């Protein structure tokens, strides 16, 4: 199981993303569940940004979560 830490910026952006939108909220919940149980699940489209320590996973076609690995079992969500 992966532990997820969150920056205040991530939390602000998350709140904007799900505000008054159940479809987005449900997509985010499913993504977080998949990531915490299996971070390499194919539907997450896990990618490392070239030349940095930042990784991304996809919530849906147009939205991603940016994060860094703190260690093998902990991720810090940035945006």
C-alpha atoms as a PDB file:
ATOM      1  CA  UNK A   1       0.000   0.000   0.000  1.00  0.00           C
ATOM      2  CA  UNK A   2       1.291   3.439  -0.943  1.00  0.00           C
ATOM      3  CA  UNK A   3       1.064   6.309   1.551  1.00  0.00           C
ATOM      4  CA  UNK A   4       0.007   9.606   0.012  1.00  0.00           C
ATOM      5  CA  UNK A   5       1.102  12.947   1.434  1.00  0.00           C
ATOM      6  CA  UNK A   6      -0.425  16.139   0.035  1.00  0.00           C
ATOM      7  CA  UNK A   7       0.854  19.687  -0.301  1.00  0.00           C
ATOM      8  CA  UNK A   8      -1.500  22.571   0.427  1.00  0.00           C
ATOM      9  CA  UNK A   9      -1.353  23.508  -3.268  1.00  0.00           C
ATOM     10  CA  UNK A  10      -2.518  20.026  -4.237  1.00  0.00           C
ATOM     11  CA  UNK A  11      -5.398  20.258  -1.771  1.00  0.00           C
ATOM     12  CA  UNK A  12      -6.492  23.668  -3.107  1.00  0.00           C
ATOM     13  CA  UNK A  13      -6.375  22.440  -6.717  1.00  0.00           C
ATOM     14  CA  UNK A  14      -8.184  19.213  -5.782  1.00  0.00           C
ATOM     15  CA  UNK A  15     -10.976  21.209  -4.156  1.00  0.00           C
ATOM     16  CA  UNK A  16     -11.389  23.326  -7.304  1.00  0.00           C
ATOM     17  CA  UNK A  17     -11.347  20.214  -9.489  1.00  0.00           C
ATOM     18  CA  UNK A  18     -14.146  18.424  -7.646  1.00  0.00           C
ATOM     19  CA  UNK A  19     -16.265  21.452  -6.683  1.00  0.00           C
ATOM     20  CA  UNK A  20     -19.852  20.878  -7.854  1.00  0.00           C
ATOM     21  CA  UNK A  21     -18.760  18.026 -10.135  1.00  0.00           C
ATOM     22  CA  UNK A  22     -19.558  14.487  -9.007  1.00  0.00           C
ATOM     23  CA  UNK A  23     -18.059  12.945 -12.150  1.00  0.00           C
ATOM     24  CA  UNK A  24     -14.656  14.534 -11.431  1.00  0.00           C
ATOM     25  CA  UNK A  25     -14.867  13.606  -7.755  1.00  0.00           C
ATOM     26  CA  UNK A  26     -15.603   9.969  -8.593  1.00  0.00           C
ATOM     27  CA  UNK A  27     -12.774   9.840 -11.138  1.00  0.00           C
ATOM     28  CA  UNK A  28     -10.366  11.259  -8.553  1.00  0.00           C
ATOM     29  CA  UNK A  29     -11.436   8.751  -5.897  1.00  0.00           C
ATOM     30  CA  UNK A  30     -10.978   5.822  -8.305  1.00  0.00           C
ATOM     31  CA  UNK A  31      -7.560   7.114  -9.336  1.00  0.00           C
ATOM     32  CA  UNK A  32      -6.383   7.506  -5.745  1.00  0.00           C
ATOM     33  CA  UNK A  33      -7.632   4.029  -4.843  1.00  0.00           C
ATOM     34  CA  UNK A  34      -5.818   2.464  -7.791  1.00  0.00           C
ATOM     35  CA  UNK A  35      -2.642   4.398  -7.083  1.00  0.00           C
ATOM     36  CA  UNK A  36      -2.527   3.499  -3.407  1.00  0.00           C
ATOM     37  CA  UNK A  37      -3.034  -0.208  -4.084  1.00  0.00           C
ATOM     38  CA  UNK A  38      -1.053  -0.519  -7.349  1.00  0.00           C
ATOM     39  CA  UNK A  39       0.884   2.583  -8.497  1.00  0.00           C
ATOM     40  CA  UNK A  40       1.845   0.949 -11.803  1.00  0.00           C
ATOM     41  CA  UNK A  41      -1.741   0.109 -12.801  1.00  0.00           C
ATOM     42  CA  UNK A  42      -1.920   0.599 -16.604  1.00  0.00           C
ATOM     43  CA  UNK A  43      -4.937   2.931 -16.456  1.00  0.00           C
ATOM     44  CA  UNK A  44      -2.937   5.453 -14.398  1.00  0.00           C
ATOM     45  CA  UNK A  45      -0.473   6.060 -17.252  1.00  0.00           C
ATOM     46  CA  UNK A  46       2.373   6.562 -14.799  1.00  0.00           C
ATOM     47  CA  UNK A  47       5.050   8.767 -16.386  1.00  0.00           C
ATOM     48  CA  UNK A  48       8.233  10.432 -15.197  1.00  0.00           C
ATOM     49  CA  UNK A  49       8.821  13.943 -16.509  1.00  0.00           C
ATOM     50  CA  UNK A  50      12.066  14.105 -18.407  1.00  0.00           C
ATOM     51  CA  UNK A  51      14.951  15.692 -16.517  1.00  0.00           C
ATOM     52  CA  UNK A  52      13.163  15.915 -13.162  1.00  0.00           C
ATOM     53  CA  UNK A  53      12.081  13.873 -10.149  1.00  0.00           C
ATOM     54  CA  UNK A  54       8.421  14.587 -10.868  1.00  0.00           C
ATOM     55  CA  UNK A  55       6.032  11.843 -11.902  1.00  0.00           C
ATOM     56  CA  UNK A  56       2.444  12.037 -13.151  1.00  0.00           C
ATOM     57  CA  UNK A  57      -0.649   9.869 -13.121  1.00  0.00           C
ATOM     58  CA  UNK A  58      -3.809  10.541 -15.084  1.00  0.00           C
ATOM     59  CA  UNK A  59      -7.186  11.141 -13.543  1.00  0.00           C
ATOM     60  CA  UNK A  60      -8.837  11.317 -16.944  1.00  0.00           C
ATOM     61  CA  UNK A  61      -7.892  12.304 -20.474  1.00  0.00           C
ATOM     62  CA  UNK A  62      -7.150  15.942 -19.634  1.00  0.00           C
ATOM     63  CA  UNK A  63      -6.167  15.934 -15.945  1.00  0.00           C
ATOM     64  CA  UNK A  64      -3.109  14.679 -14.113  1.00  0.00           C
ATOM     65  CA  UNK A  65      -1.685  14.540 -10.635  1.00  0.00           C
ATOM     66  CA  UNK A  66       1.952  15.587 -10.291  1.00  0.00           C
ATOM     67  CA  UNK A  67       3.956  13.968  -7.499  1.00  0.00           C
ATOM     68  CA  UNK A  68       7.375  12.932  -6.270  1.00  0.00           C
ATOM     69  CA  UNK A  69       8.421   9.745  -4.538  1.00  0.00           C
ATOM     70  CA  UNK A  70       9.637  10.307  -0.968  1.00  0.00           C
ATOM     71  CA  UNK A  71      10.580   6.627  -0.674  1.00  0.00           C
ATOM     72  CA  UNK A  72       9.343   3.310  -2.091  1.00  0.00           C
ATOM     73  CA  UNK A  73       6.055   3.458  -0.220  1.00  0.00           C
ATOM     74  CA  UNK A  74       5.355   7.206   0.076  1.00  0.00           C
ATOM     75  CA  UNK A  75       4.374   9.733  -2.603  1.00  0.00           C
ATOM     76  CA  UNK A  76       4.011  13.497  -2.132  1.00  0.00           C
ATOM     77  CA  UNK A  77       1.248  14.932  -4.337  1.00  0.00           C
ATOM     78  CA  UNK A  78       2.232  18.378  -5.582  1.00  0.00           C
ATOM     79  CA  UNK A  79      -0.449  19.571  -8.002  1.00  0.00           C
END
